[in-house]
Protein backbone atom coordinates (compact mmCIF):
# COMPACT_ATOMS: atom_id res chain seq x y z
CA UNK A 1 3.41 -27.60 -15.41
CA UNK A 2 5.56 -26.85 -12.46
CA UNK A 3 7.87 -25.10 -11.64
CA UNK A 4 9.55 -24.59 -8.68
CA UNK A 5 10.81 -20.74 -7.16
CA UNK A 6 14.61 -20.92 -7.97
CA UNK A 7 14.27 -21.39 -11.97
CA UNK A 8 12.07 -17.75 -11.64
CA UNK A 9 13.29 -14.83 -13.14
CA UNK A 10 15.19 -12.75 -10.46
CA UNK A 11 13.16 -9.67 -10.77
CA UNK A 12 10.15 -12.67 -9.74
CA UNK A 13 11.77 -14.26 -6.45
CA UNK A 14 12.07 -10.75 -6.11
CA UNK A 15 8.75 -9.23 -5.83
CA UNK A 16 6.91 -12.28 -4.64
CA UNK A 17 9.76 -11.75 -1.80
CA UNK A 18 8.20 -8.39 -1.29
CA UNK A 19 4.69 -8.96 -1.69
CA UNK A 20 4.61 -12.00 1.01
CA UNK A 21 7.45 -9.40 2.99
CA UNK A 22 4.62 -6.57 3.04
CA UNK A 23 1.53 -9.16 2.77
CA UNK A 24 2.42 -9.75 6.67
CA UNK A 25 3.82 -6.19 8.19
CA UNK A 26 0.24 -5.42 7.04
CA UNK A 27 -0.68 -6.87 10.52
CA UNK A 28 1.57 -5.64 12.57
CA UNK A 29 0.13 -3.56 15.02
CA UNK A 30 2.53 -0.54 14.95
CA UNK A 31 1.58 0.75 11.40
CA UNK A 32 -0.27 3.36 12.60
CA UNK A 33 1.25 4.55 16.06
CA UNK A 34 0.04 7.14 18.90
CA UNK A 35 1.49 8.49 21.88
CA UNK A 36 -0.06 10.90 24.19
CA UNK A 37 1.61 12.70 27.17
CA UNK A 38 0.23 14.80 29.37
CA UNK A 39 0.52 18.52 29.90
CA UNK A 40 3.23 20.45 31.86
CA UNK A 41 4.75 16.64 32.39
CA UNK A 42 2.04 14.20 34.30
CA UNK A 43 2.07 11.60 35.04
CA UNK A 44 -0.58 10.92 32.23
CA UNK A 45 0.59 8.87 29.48
CA UNK A 46 -0.30 6.45 26.70
CA UNK A 47 0.96 5.07 23.84
CA UNK A 48 -1.82 2.78 21.26
CA UNK A 49 -0.67 1.56 17.59
CA UNK A 50 -3.24 0.05 14.74
CA UNK A 51 -2.25 -2.49 12.07
CA UNK A 52 -2.55 -1.72 8.16
CA UNK A 53 -6.21 -2.45 8.36
CA UNK A 54 -7.17 0.62 8.98
CA UNK A 55 -9.29 3.37 6.50
CA UNK A 56 -7.48 3.69 2.65
CA UNK A 57 -4.33 1.72 3.96
CA UNK A 58 -6.87 -1.10 2.56
CA UNK A 59 -7.34 -0.92 -0.53
CA UNK A 60 -3.66 -0.40 -0.20
CA UNK A 61 -3.14 -3.50 1.19
CA UNK A 62 -5.51 -5.61 -0.84
CA UNK A 63 -3.49 -4.14 -4.25
CA UNK A 64 -0.66 -5.76 -2.87
CA UNK A 65 -2.45 -8.16 -2.48
CA UNK A 66 -3.19 -8.45 -5.72
CA UNK A 67 0.47 -6.97 -6.91
CA UNK A 68 1.91 -10.11 -5.26
CA UNK A 69 -1.26 -12.09 -6.76
CA UNK A 70 -0.45 -11.59 -10.30
CA UNK A 71 3.60 -11.74 -10.21
CA UNK A 72 2.51 -15.21 -8.88
CA UNK A 73 -0.08 -16.28 -11.49
CA UNK A 74 2.27 -15.44 -13.94
CA UNK A 75 5.13 -16.81 -13.42
CA UNK A 76 3.56 -20.62 -11.38
CA UNK A 77 -0.19 -20.44 -13.96
CA UNK A 78 1.07 -17.61 -17.09
CA UNK A 79 -1.20 -20.71 -19.41
CA UNK A 80 -4.43 -19.71 -16.19
CA UNK A 81 -4.22 -15.83 -17.89
CA UNK A 82 -6.53 -14.83 -20.30
CA UNK A 83 -3.88 -13.49 -23.48
CA UNK A 84 -3.56 -10.36 -24.43
CA UNK A 85 -3.17 -8.39 -21.00
CA UNK A 86 0.56 -7.04 -20.14
CA UNK A 87 -0.17 -9.34 -16.49
CA UNK A 88 2.98 -7.13 -16.27
CA UNK A 89 1.97 -4.07 -15.92
CA UNK A 90 -0.86 -4.57 -14.13
CA UNK A 91 1.16 -6.02 -11.32
CA UNK A 92 3.26 -2.78 -11.46
CA UNK A 93 0.73 -0.09 -11.81
CA UNK A 94 -1.31 -2.39 -8.68
CA UNK A 95 2.35 -2.91 -6.96
CA UNK A 96 2.64 1.17 -7.25
CA UNK A 97 -0.60 2.77 -5.79
CA UNK A 98 -0.92 -0.03 -3.87
CA UNK A 99 1.73 1.75 -1.65
CA UNK A 100 1.31 5.63 -2.51
CA UNK A 101 -2.13 4.77 -1.03
CA UNK A 102 0.26 3.27 2.39
CA UNK A 103 2.74 5.64 2.88
CA UNK A 104 -0.26 8.46 1.99
CA UNK A 105 -1.87 6.88 5.04
CA UNK A 106 0.43 6.30 7.64
CA UNK A 107 2.36 9.66 5.97
CA UNK A 108 -1.74 11.90 6.93
CA UNK A 109 -3.08 9.78 9.84
CA UNK A 110 -5.67 12.76 10.78
CA UNK A 111 -5.82 16.57 13.01
CA UNK A 112 -5.06 14.94 16.74
CA UNK A 113 -5.84 18.62 17.76
CA UNK A 114 -4.30 17.68 21.35
CA UNK A 115 -1.08 18.63 22.97
CA UNK A 116 1.30 16.09 23.16
CA UNK A 117 -0.82 13.99 20.86
CA UNK A 118 1.66 11.87 18.40
CA UNK A 119 0.04 9.74 15.99
CA UNK A 120 2.68 8.68 12.75
CA UNK A 121 4.07 5.61 11.24
CA UNK A 122 5.13 3.07 13.28
CA UNK A 123 9.02 0.11 12.81
CA UNK A 124 6.06 -1.64 10.79
CA UNK A 125 4.96 1.38 8.59
CA UNK A 126 8.23 1.81 7.47
CA UNK A 127 8.97 -1.01 7.18
CA UNK A 128 5.79 -1.63 4.79
CA UNK A 129 7.10 0.89 2.37
CA UNK A 130 10.09 -0.38 1.91
CA UNK A 131 8.64 -4.04 1.68
CA UNK A 132 6.03 -1.85 -0.75
CA UNK A 133 8.95 -0.10 -2.68
CA UNK A 134 10.60 -3.02 -3.44
CA UNK A 135 7.38 -5.27 -4.48
CA UNK A 136 6.87 -1.77 -7.30
CA UNK A 137 10.89 -1.48 -8.49
CA UNK A 138 10.50 -5.58 -8.87
CA UNK A 139 7.23 -5.81 -10.91
CA UNK A 140 9.02 -2.88 -13.26
CA UNK A 141 11.71 -4.12 -13.56
CA UNK A 142 9.49 -7.17 -14.68
CA UNK A 143 8.08 -5.07 -17.20
CA UNK A 144 10.57 -3.58 -18.77
CA UNK A 145 11.78 -7.03 -18.70
CA UNK A 146 9.24 -8.79 -20.24
CA UNK A 147 8.63 -6.29 -22.87
CA UNK A 148 5.51 -5.50 -23.12
CA UNK A 149 3.87 -2.05 -23.78
CA UNK A 150 1.97 0.81 -22.65
CA UNK A 151 -1.73 0.56 -24.84
CA UNK A 152 -2.28 2.98 -26.74
CA UNK A 153 -4.99 4.47 -26.85
CA UNK A 154 -7.36 5.05 -30.31
CA UNK A 155 -7.52 9.11 -31.03
CA UNK A 156 -9.03 9.29 -34.20
CA UNK A 157 -9.39 12.71 -35.68
CA UNK A 158 -12.78 13.50 -35.78
CA UNK A 159 -15.56 13.36 -33.00
CA UNK A 160 -18.13 11.15 -33.37
CA UNK A 161 -21.19 11.73 -34.27
CA UNK A 162 -23.72 13.35 -32.54
CA UNK A 163 -27.17 10.97 -32.34
CA UNK A 164 -29.86 11.72 -34.49
CA UNK A 165 -32.77 13.38 -33.14
């Protein structure tokens, strides 16, 4: 069954766009930037940046890709997904955890302990956060609209019997 982008719901469209933007922004080298100004106004100064494919932010980007892929497959080829799995919830969790990891990595890049060194998120880091938060919001709204329920864990009143010796 062929589906075009315009026939999708607004939450799926928003999730696909924000997920795509987040994936593109993850490759820009200003996710975390570092700049060094020498002590006492010396002429020594330098700056550098890195993309989001470093440290545990890599796992965050992979979760963003997974959330976007789940939304895409659910929107364009739902018949290929196994039944009984709360796919909207899976996309929501992947987007939320991925965004959280991306934010934590940029906010806490490490302890440089070097006077004059400033390390923190760069312009693409801030835009990546916005795209990740937007993806999370759209996947939440899609989950809410889908009517899926959070699976309940079966709780038994009595603990299982210990194995016989």
